[in-house]
């Protein structure tokens, strides 16, 4: 029996519109791995069995990476580099082998225990990007267990093209699906930074996350859905009028995207001459060619956390130096902004964190951790960055700043490192610009003072909104209070921009707000002249910028700052979007 027609507001992570019946996937996880014990006499043979399964897993991932590289590009194929790192993680392998040799567990259960431990550690990180890596750990674990049992999970069968509905989707499950039979993804967990979301965008499959569990549990294969990857709306069992309207919207969207793909070389400038540079958010495994194809003017945020994913081994100076050097050489003269380590007070690694914290969101995060507890890691990273700086156009920024002392102390450390490198006769960038991330209300309120000690600002809206509104957006109970258009957030941005202008330093906005088209007129009106985002979001934002007028956006910002609610603010912004960019108003 069909459930009643209804509209669900999920989170869009890959654009497009799909209409079709449901395909329910229950995942290939290993939640029911039975506890198995072995005799001490079987330890050696069980270890051999595990190592053979591990080697097979490595080969499968390498083959999958090469196939994906041939079908898409280096950027998407690089997603599986994270899986290879996990397979080669000495700490996780040692944990599994200890579970076999010391605890006398069978290999399957030994893997299960270790994977649960490591995925829980990633899930505890107060950083959305790293939280998503918990799914990668489970993906690799499921593959190892499958190889141990020599049971290849049966591929789901599709009687017709359908919309895949699931609690979670791993990268392996995503790329294994028959593209011609998958219309869209509607998933309970995940975010725009998840590997599945990245793959969905590359495969041009509309996708949303944040589906309510009670809806997932009530759907059947007979139910029809509309998935709107632009707005995040999911319509269950729509009526005929709604179906007709969305079919028309889908045709129009396809037409617009064909046009947008030809606009990458156009300057992102308003009709009255205000230029808003578009720069890219990238990770350690990204291909800079994809950044250049998108028409980006450089890298606004290079996350270095990926380099520290191996819980058992910290990357040394030369290893980091080579990563930064390769990126800078590939970027040529384009500006590359690298964020120093932004791992927080979590259980991610005993190699980084020396104690567990009760409230990691308010604990040793970002620059606090680097200065107070792991200065050794910070010094190593800064040495690598200073050395790499001679190979390109590099600037570095420090995260989670809340007071001036953190900036001054970082500068003193850099000066000491430069002195050491000079004595060691090692080439380095003598005048490396140091910027500050504005992610806390404290930083925004003292932006004037910070600007006098900074080469640039980068407003990290994800955390700034979270801390300003005291709202954890990953908490479904208070997620509705996470509002980018909140007048308090806009005032924080305004004060930051004013301080930057007064001190003649540039200011960038990064985070989800930068690629939210509804926020574009507001950010322009507040004077932001650089936005850092995923390359997939650039076409829509570029078109929006090019059809707005700065003077009108400035007037909008003034009105928005006087509003009493985010609903009023976003209503004003949508009004301008509908009038100036009507073709994108519903996207």
Protein backbone atom coordinates (compact mmCIF):
# COMPACT_ATOMS: atom_id res chain seq x y z
CA UNK A 1 0.00 0.00 0.00
CA UNK A 2 1.31 3.47 -0.91
CA UNK A 3 1.98 5.84 1.96
CA UNK A 4 0.22 9.19 1.88
CA UNK A 5 1.59 11.94 -0.34
CA UNK A 6 3.89 14.28 1.54
CA UNK A 7 6.84 16.64 1.10
CA UNK A 8 10.11 16.06 2.99
CA UNK A 9 12.81 18.70 3.31
CA UNK A 10 16.20 17.01 3.06
CA UNK A 11 19.64 18.49 2.30
CA UNK A 12 20.67 18.75 -1.37
CA UNK A 13 24.19 17.47 -2.14
CA UNK A 14 24.07 16.82 -5.92
CA UNK A 15 21.92 18.88 -8.30
CA UNK A 16 19.25 17.58 -10.64
CA UNK A 17 15.71 16.22 -10.60
CA UNK A 18 14.62 12.60 -10.68
CA UNK A 19 11.21 10.96 -10.77
CA UNK A 20 10.85 7.24 -10.18
CA UNK A 21 9.97 4.36 -7.93
CA UNK A 22 11.94 3.35 -4.87
CA UNK A 23 14.86 0.92 -4.69
CA UNK A 24 15.53 0.09 -1.04
CA UNK A 25 19.13 -0.76 -0.16
CA UNK A 26 19.97 -2.14 3.25
CA UNK A 27 23.73 -1.84 2.77
CA UNK A 28 26.51 -4.35 2.75
CA UNK A 29 27.65 -3.56 6.27
CA UNK A 30 28.72 -6.16 8.81
CA UNK A 31 26.69 -5.32 11.90
CA UNK A 32 25.88 -8.99 12.51
CA UNK A 33 29.38 -10.45 12.35
CA UNK A 34 29.24 -13.30 14.87
CA UNK A 35 31.75 -13.63 17.69
CA UNK A 36 34.14 -16.45 16.80
CA UNK A 37 36.97 -17.80 18.92
CA UNK A 38 39.94 -19.88 17.84
CA UNK A 39 42.44 -22.19 19.51
CA UNK A 40 45.96 -20.89 20.03
CA UNK A 41 47.14 -23.49 17.51
CA UNK A 42 45.16 -21.69 14.77
CA UNK A 43 46.66 -18.24 15.31
CA UNK A 44 49.29 -18.50 12.57
CA UNK A 45 46.87 -19.84 9.96
CA UNK A 46 44.30 -17.19 10.90
CA UNK A 47 46.88 -14.43 10.54
CA UNK A 48 47.83 -15.76 7.11
CA UNK A 49 44.16 -15.83 6.12
CA UNK A 50 43.74 -12.21 7.24
CA UNK A 51 46.87 -11.02 5.42
CA UNK A 52 45.76 -12.69 2.20
CA UNK A 53 42.36 -11.04 2.47
CA UNK A 54 44.05 -7.71 3.14
CA UNK A 55 46.24 -8.05 0.05
CA UNK A 56 43.22 -8.98 -2.07
CA UNK A 57 41.39 -5.92 -0.70
CA UNK A 58 44.33 -3.71 -1.64
CA UNK A 59 44.32 -5.06 -5.19
CA UNK A 60 40.54 -4.63 -5.52
CA UNK A 61 40.72 -1.01 -4.39
CA UNK A 62 43.60 -0.27 -6.77
CA UNK A 63 41.66 -1.83 -9.65
CA UNK A 64 38.55 0.13 -8.70
CA UNK A 65 40.57 3.33 -8.59
CA UNK A 66 41.97 2.75 -12.07
CA UNK A 67 38.53 1.97 -13.52
CA UNK A 68 37.07 5.07 -11.93
CA UNK A 69 39.98 7.18 -13.18
CA UNK A 70 39.31 5.99 -16.73
CA UNK A 71 35.58 6.73 -16.46
CA UNK A 72 35.73 10.04 -14.56
CA UNK A 73 38.97 11.76 -13.57
CA UNK A 74 41.83 11.78 -11.11
CA UNK A 75 39.85 13.82 -8.57
CA UNK A 76 37.07 11.29 -8.11
CA UNK A 77 39.39 8.30 -8.43
CA UNK A 78 41.48 9.80 -5.62
CA UNK A 79 38.61 9.10 -3.23
CA UNK A 80 39.88 5.53 -3.07
CA UNK A 81 43.33 6.72 -2.06
CA UNK A 82 41.80 7.13 1.40
CA UNK A 83 40.76 3.47 1.28
CA UNK A 84 44.28 2.43 0.31
CA UNK A 85 45.67 4.43 3.24
CA UNK A 86 43.37 2.52 5.56
CA UNK A 87 44.43 -0.84 4.14
CA UNK A 88 48.05 0.16 4.72
CA UNK A 89 47.42 1.64 8.17
CA UNK A 90 49.87 -0.13 10.43
CA UNK A 91 47.93 0.72 13.58
CA UNK A 92 44.67 -0.74 12.33
CA UNK A 93 46.41 -3.82 10.94
CA UNK A 94 48.24 -4.28 14.25
CA UNK A 95 44.94 -3.95 16.12
CA UNK A 96 43.37 -6.69 14.00
CA UNK A 97 46.36 -8.97 14.39
CA UNK A 98 46.34 -8.40 18.15
CA UNK A 99 42.65 -9.34 18.22
CA UNK A 100 43.62 -12.62 16.55
CA UNK A 101 46.86 -13.49 18.32
CA UNK A 102 46.17 -12.18 21.84
CA UNK A 103 42.37 -12.26 22.11
CA UNK A 104 42.04 -15.44 20.00
CA UNK A 105 39.22 -14.13 17.85
CA UNK A 106 38.52 -15.38 14.35
CA UNK A 107 39.72 -13.05 11.60
CA UNK A 108 36.23 -11.83 10.63
CA UNK A 109 35.35 -10.78 14.16
CA UNK A 110 38.86 -9.38 14.73
CA UNK A 111 38.37 -7.08 11.72
CA UNK A 112 34.89 -6.16 12.90
CA UNK A 113 36.11 -5.09 16.34
CA UNK A 114 38.96 -2.97 14.95
CA UNK A 115 36.80 -1.30 12.30
CA UNK A 116 34.11 -0.44 14.86
CA UNK A 117 36.78 1.12 17.08
CA UNK A 118 38.36 3.19 14.30
CA UNK A 119 35.10 4.30 12.70
CA UNK A 120 33.81 5.42 16.11
CA UNK A 121 36.99 7.49 16.51
CA UNK A 122 36.41 9.31 13.22
CA UNK A 123 32.71 9.80 14.00
CA UNK A 124 33.68 11.56 17.24
CA UNK A 125 35.74 14.25 15.46
CA UNK A 126 34.10 17.71 15.65
CA UNK A 127 34.83 18.26 11.96
CA UNK A 128 32.27 17.23 9.38
CA UNK A 129 34.84 16.35 6.75
CA UNK A 130 36.64 13.91 9.04
CA UNK A 131 33.38 12.50 10.44
CA UNK A 132 32.59 11.33 6.92
CA UNK A 133 35.73 9.20 6.91
CA UNK A 134 34.07 6.85 9.41
CA UNK A 135 32.04 5.51 6.49
CA UNK A 136 35.26 4.91 4.52
CA UNK A 137 36.63 2.81 7.39
CA UNK A 138 33.46 0.71 7.44
CA UNK A 139 33.55 0.39 3.65
CA UNK A 140 37.08 -1.02 3.75
CA UNK A 141 36.18 -3.26 6.68
CA UNK A 142 33.19 -4.72 4.86
CA UNK A 143 35.41 -5.49 1.86
CA UNK A 144 38.02 -7.28 4.02
CA UNK A 145 35.34 -9.36 5.75
CA UNK A 146 33.78 -10.22 2.42
CA UNK A 147 37.16 -11.43 1.16
CA UNK A 148 37.73 -13.43 4.34
CA UNK A 149 34.42 -15.21 3.98
CA UNK A 150 34.89 -15.56 0.21
CA UNK A 151 31.30 -14.42 -0.17
CA UNK A 152 30.81 -11.67 -2.70
CA UNK A 153 27.70 -9.66 -1.79
CA UNK A 154 24.99 -10.13 -4.42
CA UNK A 155 24.61 -7.05 -6.58
CA UNK A 156 21.17 -5.46 -6.21
CA UNK A 157 18.89 -6.13 -9.16
CA UNK A 158 17.00 -3.34 -10.88
CA UNK A 159 13.86 -4.19 -12.84
CA UNK A 160 13.66 -0.56 -14.03
CA UNK A 161 15.49 2.72 -13.39
CA UNK A 162 14.83 3.59 -9.75
CA UNK A 163 15.63 6.04 -6.96
CA UNK A 164 18.00 4.45 -4.45
CA UNK A 165 16.87 4.94 -0.85
CA UNK A 166 19.25 3.91 1.95
CA UNK A 167 20.38 4.70 5.46
CA UNK A 168 24.00 5.00 4.26
CA UNK A 169 25.83 4.54 0.99
CA UNK A 170 29.53 3.75 0.83
CA UNK A 171 31.74 4.85 -2.06
CA UNK A 172 32.14 1.20 -3.12
CA UNK A 173 28.38 0.70 -3.23
CA UNK A 174 27.95 3.95 -5.15
CA UNK A 175 30.39 3.21 -7.96
CA UNK A 176 29.20 -0.41 -8.27
CA UNK A 177 25.66 0.63 -9.17
CA UNK A 178 24.57 0.46 -12.81
CA UNK A 179 24.50 4.14 -13.79
CA UNK A 180 21.70 3.64 -16.31
CA UNK A 181 19.46 2.12 -13.63
CA UNK A 182 19.98 4.71 -10.89
CA UNK A 183 17.91 7.87 -11.09
CA UNK A 184 18.86 9.49 -7.75
CA UNK A 185 20.02 8.90 -4.19
CA UNK A 186 17.93 9.68 -1.11
CA UNK A 187 20.01 8.85 1.96
CA UNK A 188 19.59 9.27 5.70
CA UNK A 189 23.20 10.06 6.66
CA UNK A 190 25.97 12.03 4.98
CA UNK A 191 26.79 15.57 3.90
CA UNK A 192 27.94 17.57 0.89
CA UNK A 193 31.56 16.65 1.72
CA UNK A 194 30.95 12.89 1.83
CA UNK A 195 32.65 10.80 -0.82
CA UNK A 196 29.29 9.47 -1.95
CA UNK A 197 28.06 13.03 -2.52
CA UNK A 198 31.22 13.86 -4.48
CA UNK A 199 30.71 10.77 -6.65
CA UNK A 200 27.02 11.58 -7.16
CA UNK A 201 27.94 15.04 -8.46
CA UNK A 202 30.58 13.58 -10.78
CA UNK A 203 28.19 10.90 -12.06
CA UNK A 204 25.48 13.57 -12.46
CA UNK A 205 23.09 11.70 -10.21
CA UNK A 206 20.76 13.94 -8.14
CA UNK A 207 21.19 13.28 -4.43
CA UNK A 208 19.89 14.39 -1.05
CA UNK A 209 20.87 13.45 2.49
CA UNK A 210 19.06 13.85 5.78
CA UNK A 211 16.09 11.65 4.94
CA UNK A 212 14.07 10.95 8.14
CA UNK A 213 14.49 7.36 9.29
CA UNK A 214 10.75 6.89 9.81
CA UNK A 215 10.19 7.71 6.14
CA UNK A 216 12.87 5.27 5.00
CA UNK A 217 11.30 2.54 7.09
CA UNK A 218 7.82 3.17 5.70
CA UNK A 219 8.72 3.28 1.98
CA UNK A 220 8.18 0.28 -0.30
CA UNK A 221 9.26 -0.51 -3.84
CA UNK A 222 5.78 0.53 -5.01
CA UNK A 223 6.17 4.13 -3.82
CA UNK A 224 7.08 6.87 -6.28
CA UNK A 225 9.38 9.76 -5.38
CA UNK A 226 10.44 13.06 -6.79
CA UNK A 227 13.98 13.97 -5.67
CA UNK A 228 14.89 17.62 -6.15
CA UNK A 229 18.67 17.86 -5.80
CA UNK A 230 18.48 21.65 -6.11
CA UNK A 231 16.17 22.46 -3.20
CA UNK A 232 16.48 19.22 -1.22
CA UNK A 233 12.77 18.49 -1.45
CA UNK A 234 11.65 14.88 -1.67
CA UNK A 235 8.00 14.39 -2.63
CA UNK A 236 6.48 11.04 -1.77
CA UNK A 237 3.73 9.76 -4.10
CA UNK A 238 3.11 13.09 -5.85
CA UNK A 239 -0.12 13.88 -7.66
CA UNK A 240 -0.26 14.24 -11.45
CA UNK A 241 -0.05 18.04 -11.40
CA UNK A 242 3.12 17.93 -9.31
CA UNK A 243 4.61 15.27 -11.59
CA UNK A 244 3.96 17.43 -14.67
CA UNK A 245 5.49 20.49 -13.01
CA UNK A 246 8.67 18.64 -12.06
CA UNK A 247 9.05 17.04 -15.47
CA UNK A 248 9.03 20.54 -16.95
CA UNK A 249 11.50 21.73 -14.28
CA UNK A 250 13.81 18.82 -15.07
CA UNK A 251 13.89 19.68 -18.77
CA UNK A 252 14.61 23.33 -18.00
CA UNK A 253 17.37 22.38 -15.53
CA UNK A 254 19.12 20.20 -18.11
CA UNK A 255 19.00 23.06 -20.60
CA UNK A 256 20.45 25.52 -18.06
CA UNK A 257 23.28 23.18 -17.06
CA UNK A 258 24.32 22.82 -20.68
CA UNK A 259 24.56 26.61 -20.83
CA UNK A 260 26.41 26.89 -17.52
CA UNK A 261 29.07 24.41 -18.62
CA UNK A 262 30.10 26.87 -21.33
CA UNK A 263 30.52 29.79 -18.89
CA UNK A 264 33.49 28.62 -16.82
CA UNK A 265 35.84 31.07 -18.53
CA UNK A 266 33.62 34.09 -17.84
CA UNK A 267 34.64 36.53 -15.11
CA UNK A 268 32.41 36.35 -12.01
CA UNK A 269 31.56 40.08 -12.04
CA UNK A 270 28.32 41.88 -11.22
CA UNK A 271 26.54 44.00 -13.79
CA UNK A 272 28.05 47.14 -12.24
CA UNK A 273 31.64 45.86 -12.15
CA UNK A 274 32.15 44.27 -8.70
CA UNK A 275 34.38 41.20 -9.11
CA UNK A 276 33.87 38.20 -6.82
CA UNK A 277 36.73 35.77 -7.23
CA UNK A 278 35.81 32.09 -7.08
CA UNK A 279 38.41 29.80 -5.52
CA UNK A 280 38.24 26.11 -4.70
CA UNK A 281 38.07 23.95 -1.59
CA UNK A 282 40.23 20.88 -2.18
CA UNK A 283 41.75 17.93 -0.33
CA UNK A 284 45.10 16.19 -0.49
CA UNK A 285 44.02 13.81 -3.23
CA UNK A 286 42.49 16.39 -5.54
CA UNK A 287 43.57 16.96 -9.13
CA UNK A 288 44.30 20.67 -9.75
CA UNK A 289 43.30 20.27 -13.39
CA UNK A 290 39.68 19.96 -12.20
CA UNK A 291 40.06 23.28 -10.37
CA UNK A 292 41.38 24.95 -13.49
CA UNK A 293 38.61 23.50 -15.69
CA UNK A 294 36.01 24.98 -13.35
CA UNK A 295 37.42 28.45 -13.93
CA UNK A 296 38.62 28.87 -10.33
CA UNK A 297 41.30 31.45 -9.62
CA UNK A 298 43.20 29.25 -7.20
CA UNK A 299 42.66 27.35 -3.96
CA UNK A 300 40.90 29.08 -1.09
CA UNK A 301 41.04 26.13 1.30
CA UNK A 302 43.38 23.17 1.17
CA UNK A 303 42.52 20.86 4.08
CA UNK A 304 45.58 19.13 5.50
CA UNK A 305 43.67 16.81 7.86
CA UNK A 306 43.65 14.11 5.20
CA UNK A 307 47.42 13.84 5.52
CA UNK A 308 47.03 12.96 9.21
CA UNK A 309 44.38 10.26 8.73
CA UNK A 310 46.70 7.40 9.58
CA UNK A 311 46.20 7.03 13.35
CA UNK A 312 49.36 5.00 13.79
CA UNK A 313 51.89 7.18 12.02
CA UNK A 314 52.27 10.93 11.80
CA UNK A 315 53.51 12.31 8.46
CA UNK A 316 57.06 13.57 8.71
CA UNK A 317 58.37 16.87 7.37
CA UNK A 318 59.59 15.54 4.03
CA UNK A 319 56.38 13.64 3.37
CA UNK A 320 54.33 16.78 3.94
CA UNK A 321 56.79 18.90 1.97
CA UNK A 322 56.36 16.67 -1.10
CA UNK A 323 52.55 16.88 -0.91
CA UNK A 324 52.55 20.68 -0.64
CA UNK A 325 55.25 21.01 -3.31
CA UNK A 326 53.30 18.89 -5.84
CA UNK A 327 50.18 20.96 -5.27
CA UNK A 328 51.99 24.28 -5.65
CA UNK A 329 53.77 23.20 -8.81
CA UNK A 330 50.51 22.00 -10.37
CA UNK A 331 48.81 25.30 -9.44
CA UNK A 332 51.52 27.35 -11.15
CA UNK A 333 51.04 31.05 -10.41
CA UNK A 334 47.59 30.57 -8.89
CA UNK A 335 47.30 31.40 -5.21
CA UNK A 336 47.10 28.36 -2.92
CA UNK A 337 45.80 28.80 0.63
CA UNK A 338 46.68 25.93 2.97
CA UNK A 339 45.01 25.56 6.36
CA UNK A 340 47.16 24.21 9.15
CA UNK A 341 46.02 21.10 11.00
CA UNK A 342 42.41 21.43 12.19
CA UNK A 343 41.87 18.24 14.14
CA UNK A 344 39.98 18.71 17.39
CA UNK A 345 39.70 17.27 20.85
CA UNK A 346 38.50 13.82 19.85
CA UNK A 347 39.63 10.21 19.95
CA UNK A 348 40.94 10.21 16.38
CA UNK A 349 44.46 9.20 17.22
CA UNK A 350 46.57 8.48 20.23
CA UNK A 351 49.36 9.69 17.98
CA UNK A 352 47.87 13.21 18.05
CA UNK A 353 45.56 13.53 21.04
CA UNK A 354 47.04 12.86 24.46
CA UNK A 355 43.79 12.94 26.40
CA UNK A 356 40.08 12.57 25.81
CA UNK A 357 37.88 15.64 26.19
CA UNK A 358 34.36 15.94 27.57
CA UNK A 359 33.33 18.59 25.03
CA UNK A 360 35.59 18.46 21.97
CA UNK A 361 33.70 21.25 20.16
CA UNK A 362 34.86 23.69 22.86
CA UNK A 363 38.20 22.06 23.59
CA UNK A 364 41.62 21.76 21.95
CA UNK A 365 40.69 22.36 18.34
CA UNK A 366 42.74 23.83 15.52
CA UNK A 367 45.37 26.33 16.59
CA UNK A 368 44.65 25.62 20.28
CA UNK A 369 45.73 22.02 19.89
CA UNK A 370 48.79 22.99 17.85
CA UNK A 371 50.00 25.58 20.35
CA UNK A 372 49.07 23.95 23.64
CA UNK A 373 49.40 20.20 23.24
CA UNK A 374 51.05 19.29 19.93
CA UNK A 375 53.48 22.06 19.11
CA UNK A 376 55.82 19.39 17.73
CA UNK A 377 53.32 18.50 15.00
CA UNK A 378 52.70 22.20 14.31
CA UNK A 379 56.41 22.98 13.95
CA UNK A 380 56.87 20.05 11.57
CA UNK A 381 53.97 21.21 9.42
CA UNK A 382 55.14 24.83 9.36
CA UNK A 383 58.68 23.77 8.38
CA UNK A 384 57.25 21.74 5.49
CA UNK A 385 55.05 24.65 4.40
CA UNK A 386 57.86 27.19 4.56
CA UNK A 387 60.09 24.92 2.48
CA UNK A 388 57.34 24.21 -0.06
CA UNK A 389 56.57 27.91 -0.38
CA UNK A 390 59.50 28.45 -2.75
CA UNK A 391 57.73 26.29 -5.36
CA UNK A 392 54.60 28.37 -5.86
CA UNK A 393 52.25 31.07 -4.67
CA UNK A 394 51.47 29.93 -1.13
CA UNK A 395 49.76 31.46 1.86
CA UNK A 396 48.82 29.70 5.08
CA UNK A 397 45.99 30.24 7.53
CA UNK A 398 45.40 29.14 11.10
CA UNK A 399 42.01 27.79 12.22
CA UNK A 400 39.88 28.27 15.32
CA UNK A 401 41.47 31.57 16.38
CA UNK A 402 39.81 33.25 19.37
CA UNK A 403 42.46 35.68 20.65
CA UNK A 404 45.42 37.75 19.50
CA UNK A 405 47.94 35.69 21.49
CA UNK A 406 47.41 32.72 19.15
CA UNK A 407 48.39 34.81 16.11
CA UNK A 408 51.42 36.37 17.77
CA UNK A 409 52.62 33.03 19.12
CA UNK A 410 52.30 31.46 15.66
CA UNK A 411 54.31 34.30 14.16
CA UNK A 412 57.03 33.79 16.76
CA UNK A 413 57.21 30.07 15.96
CA UNK A 414 57.49 30.85 12.23
CA UNK A 415 60.32 33.31 12.94
CA UNK A 416 62.18 30.65 14.94
CA UNK A 417 61.71 28.10 12.15
CA UNK A 418 62.99 30.57 9.55
CA UNK A 419 66.07 31.15 11.67
CA UNK A 420 66.67 27.39 11.93
CA UNK A 421 66.19 26.82 8.21
CA UNK A 422 68.64 29.64 7.47
CA UNK A 423 71.24 28.04 9.76
CA UNK A 424 70.64 24.66 8.08
CA UNK A 425 71.03 26.29 4.65
CA UNK A 426 67.60 24.98 3.54
CA UNK A 427 65.64 27.15 1.05
CA UNK A 428 62.31 28.52 2.31
CA UNK A 429 59.74 31.22 1.58
CA UNK A 430 60.92 34.24 3.53
CA UNK A 431 57.68 36.23 3.29
CA UNK A 432 54.92 33.65 3.55
CA UNK A 433 51.56 35.43 4.15
CA UNK A 434 49.82 34.31 7.35
CA UNK A 435 46.05 34.58 7.53
CA UNK A 436 43.42 34.01 10.18
CA UNK A 437 40.21 32.00 9.96
CA UNK A 438 37.24 33.82 11.47
CA UNK A 439 35.24 30.94 12.92
CA UNK A 440 34.40 32.12 16.42
CA UNK A 441 32.32 35.11 17.55
CA UNK A 442 35.37 36.24 19.55
CA UNK A 443 37.48 36.45 16.38
CA UNK A 444 34.75 38.38 14.57
CA UNK A 445 34.41 40.84 17.46
CA UNK A 446 38.17 41.57 17.56
CA UNK A 447 38.58 41.44 13.77
CA UNK A 448 40.00 44.97 13.79
CA UNK A 449 42.92 43.95 15.98
CA UNK A 450 43.42 40.63 14.18
CA UNK A 451 43.47 42.37 10.80
CA UNK A 452 46.52 44.41 11.85
CA UNK A 453 48.44 41.15 12.38
CA UNK A 454 47.04 39.18 9.42
CA UNK A 455 47.72 39.08 5.70
CA UNK A 456 44.14 37.99 4.98
CA UNK A 457 40.92 36.69 6.54
CA UNK A 458 38.96 33.57 5.70
CA UNK A 459 35.48 33.38 7.24
CA UNK A 460 34.71 29.75 8.03
CA UNK A 461 30.94 29.97 8.03
CA UNK A 462 30.23 26.37 9.08
CA UNK A 463 31.78 26.90 12.50
CA UNK A 464 30.97 30.62 12.77
CA UNK A 465 27.26 29.85 12.43
CA UNK A 466 27.53 26.92 14.81
CA UNK A 467 29.26 28.89 17.53
CA UNK A 468 27.27 32.09 17.07
CA UNK A 469 23.93 30.28 17.31
CA UNK A 470 25.11 27.64 19.81
CA UNK A 471 23.78 24.99 17.43
CA UNK A 472 25.26 21.67 16.40
CA UNK A 473 23.93 21.26 12.88
CA UNK A 474 24.61 17.52 12.96
CA UNK A 475 22.20 17.20 15.92
CA UNK A 476 18.78 16.56 14.44
CA UNK A 477 17.10 17.97 17.55
CA UNK A 478 18.53 21.45 17.06
CA UNK A 479 19.57 21.32 13.40
CA UNK A 480 16.60 23.49 12.47
CA UNK A 481 18.22 26.36 14.39
CA UNK A 482 21.32 26.29 12.17
CA UNK A 483 20.51 29.29 9.96
CA UNK A 484 23.12 30.91 7.69
CA UNK A 485 20.83 33.89 7.12
CA UNK A 486 20.45 34.71 10.82
CA UNK A 487 20.91 38.48 11.35
CA UNK A 488 23.51 37.80 14.06
CA UNK A 489 25.63 35.81 11.58
CA UNK A 490 25.33 38.58 8.99
CA UNK A 491 26.54 41.13 11.55
CA UNK A 492 29.57 38.97 12.32
CA UNK A 493 30.41 38.84 8.61
CA UNK A 494 29.87 42.60 8.22
CA UNK A 495 32.22 43.45 11.08
CA UNK A 496 34.86 41.11 9.71
CA UNK A 497 34.66 42.60 6.22
CA UNK A 498 34.80 46.15 7.60
CA UNK A 499 37.91 45.35 9.61
CA UNK A 500 39.56 43.73 6.59
CA UNK A 501 38.80 46.73 4.36
CA UNK A 502 40.05 49.21 6.94
CA UNK A 503 43.35 47.34 7.09
CA UNK A 504 43.50 46.72 3.34
CA UNK A 505 43.56 42.91 3.52
CA UNK A 506 41.43 40.51 1.43
CA UNK A 507 38.59 38.46 2.95
CA UNK A 508 37.21 35.14 1.72
CA UNK A 509 34.08 33.26 2.75
CA UNK A 510 34.33 29.48 2.75
CA UNK A 511 32.01 26.75 3.96
CA UNK A 512 28.55 25.77 2.74
CA UNK A 513 27.35 29.39 2.87
CA UNK A 514 29.78 30.31 0.08
CA UNK A 515 28.09 27.92 -2.35
CA UNK A 516 24.53 28.62 -1.24
CA UNK A 517 23.08 30.62 -4.13
CA UNK A 518 20.47 32.23 -1.87
CA UNK A 519 23.27 33.71 0.24
CA UNK A 520 25.21 35.09 -2.74
CA UNK A 521 23.41 38.47 -2.95
CA UNK A 522 23.82 38.94 0.82
CA UNK A 523 27.54 38.15 0.79
CA UNK A 524 28.13 40.47 -2.16
CA UNK A 525 26.15 43.20 -0.41
CA UNK A 526 28.26 42.79 2.72
CA UNK A 527 31.37 43.41 0.59
CA UNK A 528 32.78 39.90 0.32
CA UNK A 529 34.89 39.70 -2.83
CA UNK A 530 36.06 36.08 -2.74
CA UNK A 531 34.14 32.85 -2.26
CA UNK A 532 35.77 29.45 -1.71
CA UNK A 533 33.70 26.38 -2.59
CA UNK A 534 33.65 22.96 -4.21
CA UNK A 535 34.22 23.13 -7.95
CA UNK A 536 30.80 21.60 -8.60
CA UNK A 537 29.04 24.61 -7.05
CA UNK A 538 30.84 27.23 -9.15
CA UNK A 539 28.65 27.27 -12.29
CA UNK A 540 25.45 28.25 -10.43
CA UNK A 541 27.21 30.82 -8.25
CA UNK A 542 29.06 32.33 -11.22
CA UNK A 543 25.81 32.79 -13.18
CA UNK A 544 24.16 34.34 -10.12
CA UNK A 545 26.99 36.84 -9.57
CA UNK A 546 26.97 37.89 -13.22
CA UNK A 547 23.28 38.83 -13.14
CA UNK A 548 23.29 40.79 -9.88
CA UNK A 549 24.14 44.45 -9.28
CA UNK A 550 26.40 45.37 -6.37
CA UNK A 551 24.39 48.46 -5.51
CA UNK A 552 21.21 46.41 -5.20
CA UNK A 553 22.97 43.74 -3.14
CA UNK A 554 24.33 46.44 -0.79
CA UNK A 555 20.82 47.76 -0.25
CA UNK A 556 19.62 44.21 0.39
CA UNK A 557 22.33 43.68 3.02
CA UNK A 558 21.32 46.88 4.84
CA UNK A 559 17.70 45.75 4.95
CA UNK A 560 18.69 42.24 6.00
CA UNK A 561 20.71 43.53 8.95
CA UNK A 562 17.54 45.13 10.30
CA UNK A 563 15.47 41.95 9.97
CA UNK A 564 14.34 40.02 13.02
CA UNK A 565 14.65 36.49 11.62
CA UNK A 566 16.51 34.42 9.07
CA UNK A 567 13.20 33.72 7.31
CA UNK A 568 12.80 37.45 6.61
CA UNK A 569 16.41 37.71 5.46
CA UNK A 570 16.22 34.78 3.05
CA UNK A 571 12.84 35.96 1.79
CA UNK A 572 14.41 39.26 0.72
CA UNK A 573 17.33 37.45 -0.92
CA UNK A 574 15.08 35.04 -2.82
CA UNK A 575 13.11 38.00 -4.10
CA UNK A 576 16.24 39.39 -5.77
CA UNK A 577 17.19 35.97 -7.12
CA UNK A 578 13.73 35.53 -8.67
CA UNK A 579 13.92 38.95 -10.30
CA UNK A 580 17.56 39.00 -11.44
CA UNK A 581 18.25 35.31 -12.03
CA UNK A 582 14.77 33.84 -12.71
CA UNK A 583 16.13 30.79 -14.51
CA UNK A 584 17.90 29.70 -11.30
CA UNK A 585 15.23 30.74 -8.79
CA UNK A 586 13.98 27.20 -8.19
CA UNK A 587 17.37 25.51 -8.29
